Amino acid sequence: MPPYGLAMTHSARVLTAHAVLDQLMASVGVDGLVAALRNPGLLAAVDQHSAAIRETLRTAGRDVDVVSLAGYARSVLALLNRSGHTLPEPDAIDWARAGTHVLRLVATCALAEDAGLL
């Protein structure tokens, strides 16, 4: 049971998940996907990260849906935070050298976009 005995309804989880993915798209998704469309190597890396995310979700018995993708993104962001890093501002990212965490988040956005979730 969630803390304080408060359970989220399915609708609340979906709305929260959409908010997470919308924020992620605004912070790194749009710029990352545009950069990937301009750079075949970056696009290939995003595709590989997308495949890894799909496999991770499949192994966990989860669908590629808004709640699963938002949960995955939150996990990546939490790992980034625990390692003492923050998500860089989009204009500060050298997309040709983007780190694994950033690529995973861009790939999450790509999956959400491909699934029509954004």
N, C-alpha and C. Protein backbone atom coordinates (compact mmCIF):
# COMPACT_ATOMS: atom_id res chain seq x y z
N MET A 1 0.85 -1.18 0.00
CA MET A 1 0.00 0.00 0.00
C MET A 1 0.89 1.24 0.00
N PRO A 2 0.50 2.26 -0.74
CA PRO A 2 1.28 3.50 -0.78
C PRO A 2 1.38 4.14 0.60
N PRO A 3 2.34 5.05 0.75
CA PRO A 3 2.48 5.74 2.03
C PRO A 3 1.20 6.44 2.45
N TYR A 4 0.98 6.48 3.71
CA TYR A 4 -0.17 7.18 4.32
C TYR A 4 -1.50 6.56 3.91
N GLY A 5 -1.47 5.35 3.37
CA GLY A 5 -2.71 4.67 3.03
C GLY A 5 -3.44 5.28 1.85
N LEU A 6 -2.77 6.11 1.05
CA LEU A 6 -3.42 6.75 -0.09
C LEU A 6 -3.10 5.97 -1.37
N ALA A 7 -4.12 5.43 -1.97
CA ALA A 7 -3.93 4.71 -3.22
C ALA A 7 -4.37 5.60 -4.38
N MET A 8 -3.60 5.57 -5.45
CA MET A 8 -3.97 6.34 -6.63
C MET A 8 -4.92 5.51 -7.48
N THR A 9 -5.91 6.16 -8.01
CA THR A 9 -6.78 5.48 -8.95
C THR A 9 -6.04 5.31 -10.27
N HIS A 10 -6.55 4.46 -11.13
CA HIS A 10 -5.93 4.27 -12.43
C HIS A 10 -5.89 5.59 -13.19
N SER A 11 -6.97 6.34 -13.13
CA SER A 11 -7.01 7.63 -13.83
C SER A 11 -5.94 8.58 -13.32
N ALA A 12 -5.74 8.60 -12.02
CA ALA A 12 -4.72 9.48 -11.44
C ALA A 12 -3.32 9.03 -11.86
N ARG A 13 -3.08 7.70 -11.91
CA ARG A 13 -1.77 7.20 -12.35
C ARG A 13 -1.51 7.59 -13.80
N VAL A 14 -2.54 7.48 -14.63
CA VAL A 14 -2.38 7.83 -16.05
C VAL A 14 -2.12 9.32 -16.22
N LEU A 15 -2.87 10.15 -15.50
CA LEU A 15 -2.65 11.60 -15.59
C LEU A 15 -1.26 11.97 -15.11
N THR A 16 -0.82 11.37 -14.02
CA THR A 16 0.52 11.63 -13.49
C THR A 16 1.57 11.17 -14.49
N ALA A 17 1.36 10.00 -15.07
CA ALA A 17 2.31 9.47 -16.05
C ALA A 17 2.40 10.38 -17.27
N HIS A 18 1.26 10.86 -17.74
CA HIS A 18 1.28 11.80 -18.87
C HIS A 18 2.06 13.06 -18.52
N ALA A 19 1.89 13.56 -17.31
CA ALA A 19 2.62 14.76 -16.89
C ALA A 19 4.13 14.50 -16.88
N VAL A 20 4.52 13.33 -16.40
CA VAL A 20 5.95 12.98 -16.37
C VAL A 20 6.51 12.94 -17.80
N LEU A 21 5.80 12.26 -18.70
CA LEU A 21 6.28 12.14 -20.08
C LEU A 21 6.26 13.48 -20.80
N ASP A 22 5.26 14.29 -20.53
CA ASP A 22 5.21 15.62 -21.14
C ASP A 22 6.41 16.46 -20.71
N GLN A 23 6.72 16.41 -19.42
CA GLN A 23 7.86 17.17 -18.90
C GLN A 23 9.17 16.63 -19.48
N LEU A 24 9.27 15.31 -19.58
CA LEU A 24 10.47 14.70 -20.14
C LEU A 24 10.64 15.10 -21.61
N MET A 25 9.55 15.09 -22.34
CA MET A 25 9.60 15.48 -23.75
C MET A 25 10.06 16.94 -23.88
N ALA A 26 9.54 17.79 -22.99
CA ALA A 26 9.92 19.21 -23.04
C ALA A 26 11.37 19.42 -22.62
N SER A 27 11.87 18.61 -21.70
CA SER A 27 13.22 18.85 -21.19
C SER A 27 14.31 18.28 -22.10
N VAL A 28 14.16 17.05 -22.58
CA VAL A 28 15.21 16.48 -23.45
C VAL A 28 14.66 15.79 -24.69
N GLY A 29 13.40 15.44 -24.68
CA GLY A 29 12.85 14.64 -25.77
C GLY A 29 12.83 15.34 -27.11
N VAL A 30 12.28 16.53 -27.16
CA VAL A 30 12.16 17.24 -28.44
C VAL A 30 13.55 17.49 -29.03
N ASP A 31 14.42 18.09 -28.26
CA ASP A 31 15.76 18.40 -28.77
C ASP A 31 16.53 17.13 -29.12
N GLY A 32 16.40 16.11 -28.29
CA GLY A 32 17.10 14.85 -28.55
C GLY A 32 16.60 14.14 -29.80
N LEU A 33 15.28 14.14 -29.99
CA LEU A 33 14.73 13.49 -31.18
C LEU A 33 15.06 14.27 -32.45
N VAL A 34 15.05 15.59 -32.37
CA VAL A 34 15.44 16.40 -33.53
C VAL A 34 16.91 16.13 -33.86
N ALA A 35 17.75 16.11 -32.84
CA ALA A 35 19.18 15.83 -33.06
C ALA A 35 19.37 14.44 -33.66
N ALA A 36 18.59 13.46 -33.19
CA ALA A 36 18.70 12.10 -33.71
C ALA A 36 18.30 12.02 -35.18
N LEU A 37 17.30 12.78 -35.56
CA LEU A 37 16.88 12.79 -36.96
C LEU A 37 17.94 13.39 -37.88
N ARG A 38 18.80 14.21 -37.30
CA ARG A 38 19.87 14.85 -38.08
C ARG A 38 21.17 14.06 -38.07
N ASN A 39 21.26 13.09 -37.16
CA ASN A 39 22.52 12.36 -36.97
C ASN A 39 22.22 10.86 -36.95
N PRO A 40 22.54 10.15 -38.04
CA PRO A 40 22.21 8.72 -38.11
C PRO A 40 22.82 7.89 -36.98
N GLY A 41 24.00 8.25 -36.53
CA GLY A 41 24.62 7.51 -35.43
C GLY A 41 23.85 7.68 -34.13
N LEU A 42 23.41 8.90 -33.88
CA LEU A 42 22.61 9.17 -32.68
C LEU A 42 21.26 8.48 -32.79
N LEU A 43 20.67 8.50 -33.97
CA LEU A 43 19.39 7.81 -34.17
C LEU A 43 19.53 6.31 -33.90
N ALA A 44 20.63 5.73 -34.35
CA ALA A 44 20.87 4.31 -34.09
C ALA A 44 21.02 4.05 -32.60
N ALA A 45 21.71 4.94 -31.90
CA ALA A 45 21.87 4.77 -30.45
C ALA A 45 20.53 4.88 -29.73
N VAL A 46 19.70 5.84 -30.14
CA VAL A 46 18.35 5.98 -29.54
C VAL A 46 17.53 4.73 -29.82
N ASP A 47 17.62 4.20 -31.04
CA ASP A 47 16.90 2.97 -31.37
C ASP A 47 17.36 1.80 -30.51
N GLN A 48 18.66 1.70 -30.27
CA GLN A 48 19.18 0.62 -29.42
C GLN A 48 18.68 0.77 -27.98
N HIS A 49 18.66 2.00 -27.49
CA HIS A 49 18.15 2.22 -26.14
C HIS A 49 16.65 1.94 -26.08
N SER A 50 15.93 2.27 -27.13
CA SER A 50 14.49 1.97 -27.18
C SER A 50 14.27 0.46 -27.10
N ALA A 51 15.06 -0.29 -27.85
CA ALA A 51 14.94 -1.75 -27.81
C ALA A 51 15.24 -2.30 -26.41
N ALA A 52 16.24 -1.73 -25.76
CA ALA A 52 16.58 -2.17 -24.41
C ALA A 52 15.44 -1.87 -23.42
N ILE A 53 14.82 -0.71 -23.57
CA ILE A 53 13.70 -0.35 -22.70
C ILE A 53 12.53 -1.30 -22.94
N ARG A 54 12.20 -1.55 -24.21
CA ARG A 54 11.11 -2.50 -24.52
C ARG A 54 11.39 -3.86 -23.90
N GLU A 55 12.63 -4.32 -24.00
CA GLU A 55 12.99 -5.63 -23.43
C GLU A 55 12.89 -5.62 -21.91
N THR A 56 13.34 -4.54 -21.30
CA THR A 56 13.23 -4.42 -19.83
C THR A 56 11.77 -4.48 -19.39
N LEU A 57 10.92 -3.75 -20.09
CA LEU A 57 9.49 -3.75 -19.74
C LEU A 57 8.88 -5.13 -20.01
N ARG A 58 9.24 -5.75 -21.14
CA ARG A 58 8.71 -7.07 -21.46
C ARG A 58 9.12 -8.09 -20.40
N THR A 59 10.38 -8.06 -20.00
CA THR A 59 10.88 -8.99 -18.98
C THR A 59 10.14 -8.81 -17.67
N ALA A 60 9.75 -7.57 -17.38
CA ALA A 60 9.01 -7.27 -16.14
C ALA A 60 7.51 -7.55 -16.29
N GLY A 61 7.11 -8.01 -17.47
CA GLY A 61 5.69 -8.30 -17.70
C GLY A 61 4.85 -7.05 -17.89
N ARG A 62 5.48 -5.98 -18.32
CA ARG A 62 4.79 -4.70 -18.51
C ARG A 62 4.62 -4.40 -19.98
N ASP A 63 3.56 -3.70 -20.31
CA ASP A 63 3.35 -3.22 -21.67
C ASP A 63 4.09 -1.90 -21.87
N VAL A 64 4.30 -1.54 -23.12
CA VAL A 64 4.84 -0.22 -23.43
C VAL A 64 3.65 0.72 -23.43
N ASP A 65 3.34 1.24 -22.25
CA ASP A 65 2.22 2.16 -22.10
C ASP A 65 2.69 3.37 -21.29
N VAL A 66 1.79 4.32 -21.14
CA VAL A 66 2.16 5.59 -20.51
C VAL A 66 2.65 5.40 -19.07
N VAL A 67 2.00 4.53 -18.33
CA VAL A 67 2.38 4.33 -16.92
C VAL A 67 3.74 3.65 -16.83
N SER A 68 3.95 2.63 -17.66
CA SER A 68 5.24 1.91 -17.63
C SER A 68 6.39 2.80 -18.08
N LEU A 69 6.18 3.56 -19.15
CA LEU A 69 7.26 4.43 -19.63
C LEU A 69 7.57 5.54 -18.63
N ALA A 70 6.55 6.10 -18.01
CA ALA A 70 6.79 7.14 -17.01
C ALA A 70 7.52 6.56 -15.80
N GLY A 71 7.15 5.37 -15.40
CA GLY A 71 7.84 4.71 -14.29
C GLY A 71 9.29 4.44 -14.63
N TYR A 72 9.53 3.99 -15.84
CA TYR A 72 10.90 3.75 -16.28
C TYR A 72 11.70 5.06 -16.26
N ALA A 73 11.11 6.12 -16.80
CA ALA A 73 11.79 7.42 -16.81
C ALA A 73 12.09 7.90 -15.40
N ARG A 74 11.13 7.74 -14.50
CA ARG A 74 11.37 8.16 -13.11
C ARG A 74 12.52 7.37 -12.50
N SER A 75 12.63 6.09 -12.85
CA SER A 75 13.74 5.27 -12.34
C SER A 75 15.08 5.77 -12.86
N VAL A 76 15.14 6.11 -14.13
CA VAL A 76 16.38 6.64 -14.71
C VAL A 76 16.75 7.96 -14.04
N LEU A 77 15.77 8.82 -13.86
CA LEU A 77 16.03 10.11 -13.20
C LEU A 77 16.47 9.91 -11.75
N ALA A 78 15.88 8.95 -11.05
CA ALA A 78 16.27 8.67 -9.66
C ALA A 78 17.71 8.15 -9.61
N LEU A 79 18.06 7.28 -10.54
CA LEU A 79 19.43 6.76 -10.60
C LEU A 79 20.43 7.89 -10.87
N LEU A 80 20.06 8.76 -11.77
CA LEU A 80 20.89 9.92 -12.09
C LEU A 80 21.10 10.77 -10.83
N ASN A 81 20.02 11.00 -10.11
CA ASN A 81 20.07 11.80 -8.89
C ASN A 81 20.92 11.11 -7.82
N ARG A 82 20.72 9.81 -7.63
CA ARG A 82 21.48 9.07 -6.61
C ARG A 82 22.98 9.07 -6.90
N SER A 83 23.32 9.16 -8.19
CA SER A 83 24.74 9.17 -8.53
C SER A 83 25.33 10.58 -8.47
N GLY A 84 24.53 11.53 -7.99
CA GLY A 84 25.03 12.89 -7.79
C GLY A 84 25.00 13.76 -9.03
N HIS A 85 24.24 13.35 -10.03
CA HIS A 85 24.15 14.11 -11.27
C HIS A 85 22.74 14.65 -11.45
N THR A 86 22.63 15.60 -12.33
CA THR A 86 21.32 16.12 -12.70
C THR A 86 21.18 16.04 -14.21
N LEU A 87 19.96 16.13 -14.66
CA LEU A 87 19.70 16.14 -16.09
C LEU A 87 20.17 17.48 -16.64
N PRO A 88 21.05 17.47 -17.63
CA PRO A 88 21.53 18.74 -18.17
C PRO A 88 20.44 19.49 -18.92
N GLU A 89 20.60 20.77 -19.01
CA GLU A 89 19.70 21.58 -19.82
C GLU A 89 19.89 21.18 -21.27
N PRO A 90 18.81 21.13 -22.06
CA PRO A 90 18.93 20.68 -23.45
C PRO A 90 19.96 21.44 -24.27
N ASP A 91 20.06 22.75 -24.07
CA ASP A 91 21.02 23.52 -24.86
C ASP A 91 22.47 23.29 -24.43
N ALA A 92 22.67 22.60 -23.31
CA ALA A 92 24.02 22.30 -22.84
C ALA A 92 24.47 20.90 -23.25
N ILE A 93 23.59 20.15 -23.92
CA ILE A 93 23.92 18.77 -24.27
C ILE A 93 24.61 18.73 -25.63
N ASP A 94 25.75 18.08 -25.65
CA ASP A 94 26.41 17.76 -26.92
C ASP A 94 25.82 16.43 -27.35
N TRP A 95 24.85 16.47 -28.26
CA TRP A 95 24.09 15.27 -28.62
C TRP A 95 24.97 14.18 -29.21
N ALA A 96 26.08 14.54 -29.83
CA ALA A 96 26.98 13.53 -30.37
C ALA A 96 27.68 12.74 -29.27
N ARG A 97 27.69 13.31 -28.06
CA ARG A 97 28.35 12.66 -26.91
C ARG A 97 27.40 12.48 -25.72
N ALA A 98 26.12 12.45 -25.99
CA ALA A 98 25.13 12.35 -24.90
C ALA A 98 25.36 11.07 -24.10
N GLY A 99 25.22 11.20 -22.79
CA GLY A 99 25.43 10.07 -21.90
C GLY A 99 24.28 9.07 -21.94
N THR A 100 24.53 7.93 -21.36
CA THR A 100 23.56 6.83 -21.34
C THR A 100 22.23 7.26 -20.74
N HIS A 101 22.26 7.99 -19.62
CA HIS A 101 21.01 8.39 -18.99
C HIS A 101 20.17 9.28 -19.91
N VAL A 102 20.83 10.21 -20.56
CA VAL A 102 20.12 11.10 -21.48
C VAL A 102 19.55 10.31 -22.65
N LEU A 103 20.35 9.40 -23.20
CA LEU A 103 19.87 8.59 -24.33
C LEU A 103 18.70 7.71 -23.92
N ARG A 104 18.73 7.17 -22.71
CA ARG A 104 17.60 6.36 -22.24
C ARG A 104 16.33 7.21 -22.14
N LEU A 105 16.48 8.43 -21.69
CA LEU A 105 15.31 9.30 -21.56
C LEU A 105 14.78 9.73 -22.93
N VAL A 106 15.68 10.01 -23.85
CA VAL A 106 15.24 10.34 -25.21
C VAL A 106 14.56 9.12 -25.83
N ALA A 107 15.11 7.95 -25.60
CA ALA A 107 14.50 6.72 -26.12
C ALA A 107 13.12 6.49 -25.51
N THR A 108 12.96 6.82 -24.25
CA THR A 108 11.65 6.73 -23.62
C THR A 108 10.65 7.64 -24.33
N CYS A 109 11.09 8.84 -24.65
CA CYS A 109 10.24 9.77 -25.40
C CYS A 109 9.92 9.22 -26.79
N ALA A 110 10.91 8.62 -27.43
CA ALA A 110 10.68 8.05 -28.76
C ALA A 110 9.65 6.95 -28.70
N LEU A 111 9.74 6.08 -27.71
CA LEU A 111 8.75 5.01 -27.55
C LEU A 111 7.36 5.57 -27.29
N ALA A 112 7.28 6.58 -26.44
CA ALA A 112 5.98 7.21 -26.15
C ALA A 112 5.40 7.84 -27.40
N GLU A 113 6.25 8.50 -28.16
CA GLU A 113 5.80 9.15 -29.39
C GLU A 113 5.34 8.10 -30.41
N ASP A 114 6.14 7.05 -30.57
CA ASP A 114 5.79 5.97 -31.51
C ASP A 114 4.47 5.29 -31.15
N ALA A 115 4.20 5.19 -29.85
CA ALA A 115 2.97 4.53 -29.39
C ALA A 115 1.78 5.48 -29.36
N GLY A 116 2.01 6.75 -29.75
CA GLY A 116 0.92 7.72 -29.75
C GLY A 116 0.49 8.16 -28.37
N LEU A 117 1.43 8.11 -27.41
CA LEU A 117 1.10 8.44 -26.02
C LEU A 117 1.31 9.91 -25.71
N LEU A 118 1.97 10.63 -26.58
CA LEU A 118 2.25 12.06 -26.34
C LEU A 118 1.50 12.90 -27.37
